[in-house]
């Protein structure tokens, strides 16, 4: 509980510029909050945005809906920070079987909060909670809980992750390896959650109708990765932007080197 409180506080304080509780990020307001105010709760759960469903942001937006409008920003910020903190603590626990050292697991969790893009995008909003669940889903697929509550949590992580971000299906090969190597049915709560989440995505897509997702072009993915995952790891967003503006070639080269 103390760890979660510290992580949540860190998340709220780390946002640069205007305080987190005074801002509403991107789709939090113009999509999730606006639709929560206009639509019945059940309908929002089966309304896709950009071609897929976002279950967790839709659920969290209901808390903002019940608050006075002038407190909505606070609700979104706290909901995002608490979701991050709980997910980070869960990763700390799920990784125990593979990373015995609490110190090293602490570094793993700290890395989540200290991501270069965390200050400008990932923290203190509900839009990006699915990315924390994406990370948690990986560890849930490696986790082997021995208790009934643990199995429920593993299944819930799988369900909420895929029901909020269908790209979690990229972990399907890992789920298949788990299915082949671990035969008892009790070992597959997380896999069942993943499947249910994907089924929810399909149902939401059918309920929405003709709206579809247009994938982004892939030709610049290597450059983007070098700049935003490599260079930003040490330079942060501001340092990366500074070098990219002055020498894109050097920025990509340095970023690729750091990533490697």
Protein backbone atom coordinates (compact mmCIF):
# COMPACT_ATOMS: atom_id res chain seq x y z
CA UNK A 1 0.00 0.00 0.00
CA UNK A 2 2.86 2.38 0.85
CA UNK A 3 4.62 1.57 -2.40
CA UNK A 4 1.47 2.21 -4.41
CA UNK A 5 0.94 5.53 -2.63
CA UNK A 6 4.52 6.62 -3.35
CA UNK A 7 4.30 5.62 -7.01
CA UNK A 8 0.96 7.38 -7.45
CA UNK A 9 2.32 10.53 -5.85
CA UNK A 10 5.43 10.37 -8.03
CA UNK A 11 3.24 10.05 -11.11
CA UNK A 12 1.19 13.11 -10.17
CA UNK A 13 4.27 15.21 -9.39
CA UNK A 14 6.34 14.18 -12.39
CA UNK A 15 4.20 15.87 -15.05
CA UNK A 16 6.01 18.93 -16.34
CA UNK A 17 4.28 22.26 -16.94
CA UNK A 18 0.73 22.73 -15.68
CA UNK A 19 -0.04 20.38 -12.74
CA UNK A 20 -1.68 17.07 -13.61
CA UNK A 21 -4.82 17.80 -11.59
CA UNK A 22 -5.42 20.93 -13.70
CA UNK A 23 -5.15 19.32 -17.11
CA UNK A 24 -7.10 16.77 -19.14
CA UNK A 25 -5.12 14.85 -21.74
CA UNK A 26 -6.24 14.26 -25.34
CA UNK A 27 -9.09 11.75 -25.70
CA UNK A 28 -9.83 11.74 -21.96
CA UNK A 29 -12.03 14.80 -22.42
CA UNK A 30 -13.13 14.96 -26.04
CA UNK A 31 -13.92 11.26 -26.39
CA UNK A 32 -14.26 9.30 -23.15
CA UNK A 33 -15.66 12.06 -20.93
CA UNK A 34 -17.86 13.59 -23.63
CA UNK A 35 -19.36 10.23 -24.56
CA UNK A 36 -19.79 9.23 -20.92
CA UNK A 37 -21.92 12.36 -20.44
CA UNK A 38 -24.00 11.79 -23.57
CA UNK A 39 -24.45 8.02 -23.73
CA UNK A 40 -25.79 5.31 -21.43
CA UNK A 41 -23.05 3.44 -19.62
CA UNK A 42 -23.61 0.16 -21.47
CA UNK A 43 -23.44 1.84 -24.84
CA UNK A 44 -20.10 3.48 -24.10
CA UNK A 45 -18.61 0.06 -23.38
CA UNK A 46 -19.41 -1.06 -26.92
CA UNK A 47 -18.47 2.17 -28.68
CA UNK A 48 -15.12 1.92 -30.42
CA UNK A 49 -12.69 4.73 -31.02
CA UNK A 50 -10.21 4.54 -33.89
CA UNK A 51 -11.52 1.10 -34.68
CA UNK A 52 -11.19 -0.72 -31.35
CA UNK A 53 -12.62 -0.75 -27.82
CA UNK A 54 -10.95 0.80 -24.78
CA UNK A 55 -12.62 -0.89 -21.81
CA UNK A 56 -10.53 0.47 -18.93
CA UNK A 57 -10.58 4.14 -20.06
CA UNK A 58 -14.35 3.84 -20.54
CA UNK A 59 -14.78 2.46 -17.03
CA UNK A 60 -12.58 5.11 -15.44
CA UNK A 61 -14.37 7.89 -17.32
CA UNK A 62 -17.51 7.00 -15.38
CA UNK A 63 -15.87 8.27 -12.20
CA UNK A 64 -15.31 11.64 -13.86
CA UNK A 65 -18.91 11.60 -15.06
CA UNK A 66 -20.14 11.39 -11.46
CA UNK A 67 -17.92 14.28 -10.32
CA UNK A 68 -18.70 18.00 -10.76
CA UNK A 69 -17.43 19.20 -14.16
CA UNK A 70 -14.82 21.47 -12.56
CA UNK A 71 -13.31 18.44 -10.79
CA UNK A 72 -13.13 16.19 -13.86
CA UNK A 73 -9.45 16.97 -14.47
CA UNK A 74 -8.59 15.89 -10.92
CA UNK A 75 -10.52 12.65 -11.32
CA UNK A 76 -8.79 11.76 -14.57
CA UNK A 77 -5.35 12.58 -13.15
CA UNK A 78 -5.86 10.60 -9.94
CA UNK A 79 -7.49 7.67 -11.79
CA UNK A 80 -4.51 7.52 -14.15
CA UNK A 81 -1.95 7.78 -11.35
CA UNK A 82 -3.68 5.17 -9.19
CA UNK A 83 -4.03 2.79 -12.14
CA UNK A 84 -0.34 3.16 -12.89
CA UNK A 85 0.64 2.62 -9.25
CA UNK A 86 -1.49 -0.51 -8.87
CA UNK A 87 -0.20 -1.94 -12.14
CA UNK A 88 3.41 -1.25 -11.15
CA UNK A 89 2.94 -2.96 -7.79
CA UNK A 90 1.32 -5.90 -9.54
CA UNK A 91 4.29 -6.20 -11.91
CA UNK A 92 6.60 -6.14 -8.88
CA UNK A 93 4.71 -9.12 -7.46
CA UNK A 94 4.25 -11.08 -10.70
CA UNK A 95 7.96 -10.82 -11.58
CA UNK A 96 9.04 -12.42 -8.29
CA UNK A 97 9.30 -15.92 -9.75
CA UNK A 98 11.78 -14.74 -12.38
CA UNK A 99 13.51 -11.86 -10.58
CA UNK A 100 14.13 -12.88 -6.99
CA UNK A 101 15.87 -9.69 -5.87
CA UNK A 102 13.42 -7.07 -4.54
CA UNK A 103 15.98 -4.41 -5.44
CA UNK A 104 16.11 -5.43 -9.09
CA UNK A 105 12.32 -5.66 -9.24
CA UNK A 106 12.21 -2.22 -7.69
CA UNK A 107 14.39 -0.96 -10.53
CA UNK A 108 12.01 -2.60 -13.00
CA UNK A 109 9.05 -0.77 -11.47
CA UNK A 110 10.97 2.50 -11.20
CA UNK A 111 11.75 2.25 -14.91
CA UNK A 112 8.02 2.37 -15.62
CA UNK A 113 7.65 5.70 -13.83
CA UNK A 114 10.90 7.11 -15.26
CA UNK A 115 10.20 6.42 -18.94
CA UNK A 116 11.32 9.41 -21.02
CA UNK A 117 7.84 10.02 -22.46
CA UNK A 118 6.12 9.62 -19.10
CA UNK A 119 6.32 13.31 -18.26
CA UNK A 120 4.58 14.40 -21.44
CA UNK A 121 2.10 11.66 -22.22
CA UNK A 122 1.84 8.39 -20.29
CA UNK A 123 1.17 9.45 -16.71
CA UNK A 124 -1.92 10.92 -15.04
CA UNK A 125 -4.54 10.13 -17.65
CA UNK A 126 -6.83 7.20 -18.43
CA UNK A 127 -6.14 7.15 -22.18
CA UNK A 128 -2.74 5.53 -21.65
CA UNK A 129 -3.58 3.13 -18.82
CA UNK A 130 -3.85 0.30 -21.41
CA UNK A 131 -0.11 0.65 -22.10
CA UNK A 132 0.64 -0.13 -18.45
CA UNK A 133 -1.72 -3.11 -18.75
CA UNK A 134 0.15 -4.16 -21.91
CA UNK A 135 3.34 -4.41 -19.84
CA UNK A 136 1.51 -6.17 -17.01
CA UNK A 137 0.05 -8.72 -19.45
CA UNK A 138 3.56 -9.83 -20.39
CA UNK A 139 4.42 -10.54 -16.78
CA UNK A 140 1.04 -12.16 -16.18
CA UNK A 141 1.88 -14.66 -18.94
CA UNK A 142 5.09 -15.54 -17.10
CA UNK A 143 3.45 -15.63 -13.67
CA UNK A 144 2.27 -18.90 -12.11
CA UNK A 145 -0.07 -17.92 -9.24
CA UNK A 146 -0.76 -20.67 -6.73
CA UNK A 147 -3.86 -19.23 -5.07
CA UNK A 148 -7.41 -18.61 -6.24
CA UNK A 149 -7.12 -14.81 -5.83
CA UNK A 150 -3.91 -14.90 -7.87
CA UNK A 151 -5.64 -16.79 -10.66
CA UNK A 152 -8.47 -14.25 -10.66
CA UNK A 153 -5.99 -11.38 -10.86
CA UNK A 154 -4.09 -13.05 -13.71
CA UNK A 155 -7.31 -13.57 -15.65
CA UNK A 156 -8.41 -10.00 -14.96
CA UNK A 157 -5.10 -8.60 -16.23
CA UNK A 158 -5.43 -10.59 -19.44
CA UNK A 159 -9.03 -9.52 -19.95
CA UNK A 160 -8.56 -5.83 -19.18
CA UNK A 161 -5.38 -5.63 -21.25
CA UNK A 162 -6.80 -7.05 -24.48
CA UNK A 163 -10.19 -5.42 -23.94
CA UNK A 164 -8.43 -2.06 -23.81
CA UNK A 165 -5.63 -2.55 -26.37
CA UNK A 166 -5.91 -5.33 -29.00
CA UNK A 167 -2.17 -5.15 -29.74
CA UNK A 168 -1.75 -7.27 -26.60
CA UNK A 169 -2.62 -10.12 -28.98
CA UNK A 170 1.04 -9.87 -30.06
CA UNK A 171 1.72 -11.96 -26.95
CA UNK A 172 -0.24 -14.87 -28.48
CA UNK A 173 2.96 -16.88 -29.19
CA UNK A 174 3.90 -16.62 -25.51
CA UNK A 175 0.38 -17.73 -24.53
CA UNK A 176 0.69 -20.70 -26.91
CA UNK A 177 4.01 -21.72 -25.39
CA UNK A 178 2.40 -21.52 -21.97
CA UNK A 179 -0.50 -23.68 -23.16
CA UNK A 180 1.86 -26.36 -24.50
CA UNK A 181 4.23 -26.46 -21.54
CA UNK A 182 1.75 -26.08 -18.69
CA UNK A 183 -1.04 -28.61 -19.07
CA UNK A 184 -3.24 -28.14 -15.93
CA UNK A 185 -6.25 -25.94 -16.71
CA UNK A 186 -5.68 -23.80 -13.63
CA UNK A 187 -2.50 -22.52 -15.27
CA UNK A 188 -4.41 -20.78 -18.03
CA UNK A 189 -6.45 -18.12 -16.29
CA UNK A 190 -4.47 -15.36 -17.98
CA UNK A 191 -4.88 -17.01 -21.40
CA UNK A 192 -8.63 -17.25 -20.85
CA UNK A 193 -8.65 -13.57 -19.96
CA UNK A 194 -6.79 -12.70 -23.17
CA UNK A 195 -9.28 -14.67 -25.25
CA UNK A 196 -12.28 -13.07 -23.53
CA UNK A 197 -10.76 -9.63 -24.08
CA UNK A 198 -10.33 -10.29 -27.78
CA UNK A 199 -13.91 -11.58 -27.95
CA UNK A 200 -15.03 -8.31 -26.38
CA UNK A 201 -13.06 -6.40 -29.00
CA UNK A 202 -14.86 -8.32 -31.72
CA UNK A 203 -18.26 -7.72 -30.16
CA UNK A 204 -17.58 -3.99 -29.80
CA UNK A 205 -16.40 -3.81 -33.41
CA UNK A 206 -19.60 -5.48 -34.61
CA UNK A 207 -21.76 -3.26 -32.41
CA UNK A 208 -20.11 -0.11 -33.76
CA UNK A 209 -20.62 -1.08 -37.38
CA UNK A 210 -18.62 0.32 -40.28
CA UNK A 211 -16.08 2.46 -38.41
CA UNK A 212 -12.67 1.02 -39.03
CA UNK A 213 -9.08 1.45 -38.02
CA UNK A 214 -6.57 2.80 -40.56
CA UNK A 215 -3.06 1.58 -39.70
CA UNK A 216 -0.19 4.03 -39.75
CA UNK A 217 2.57 3.56 -42.32
CA UNK A 218 5.46 1.36 -41.21
CA UNK A 219 8.30 2.85 -43.25
CA UNK A 220 9.49 5.18 -40.48
CA UNK A 221 9.23 2.78 -37.55
CA UNK A 222 13.00 2.15 -37.34
CA UNK A 223 13.80 5.85 -37.23
CA UNK A 224 11.05 6.55 -34.71
CA UNK A 225 12.24 3.73 -32.47
CA UNK A 226 15.83 4.97 -32.54
CA UNK A 227 14.77 8.51 -31.71
CA UNK A 228 12.03 7.89 -29.17
CA UNK A 229 13.09 4.63 -27.51
CA UNK A 230 16.86 4.93 -27.83
CA UNK A 231 17.81 8.58 -27.78
CA UNK A 232 14.99 9.56 -25.41
CA UNK A 233 16.16 6.97 -22.89
CA UNK A 234 19.04 9.26 -21.95
CA UNK A 235 18.10 12.60 -23.47
CA UNK A 236 14.42 12.69 -22.55
CA UNK A 237 11.90 14.37 -24.84
CA UNK A 238 13.50 17.80 -24.73
CA UNK A 239 17.03 16.57 -25.32
CA UNK A 240 15.87 14.32 -28.14
CA UNK A 241 13.91 17.10 -29.81
CA UNK A 242 16.93 19.41 -29.52
CA UNK A 243 19.27 16.95 -31.28
CA UNK A 244 16.70 15.88 -33.89
CA UNK A 245 16.14 19.53 -34.87
CA UNK A 246 19.85 20.13 -35.33
CA UNK A 247 21.06 16.86 -36.83
CA UNK A 248 18.47 14.15 -37.61
CA UNK A 249 21.14 11.77 -38.89
CA UNK A 250 23.20 12.01 -35.71
CA UNK A 251 20.02 11.67 -33.62
CA UNK A 252 19.07 8.42 -35.36
CA UNK A 253 22.62 7.04 -35.16
CA UNK A 254 23.01 7.83 -31.46
CA UNK A 255 19.52 6.57 -30.70
CA UNK A 256 20.13 3.28 -32.53
CA UNK A 257 23.41 2.82 -30.65
CA UNK A 258 21.73 3.40 -27.28
CA UNK A 259 18.85 1.05 -28.17
CA UNK A 260 21.31 -1.69 -29.17
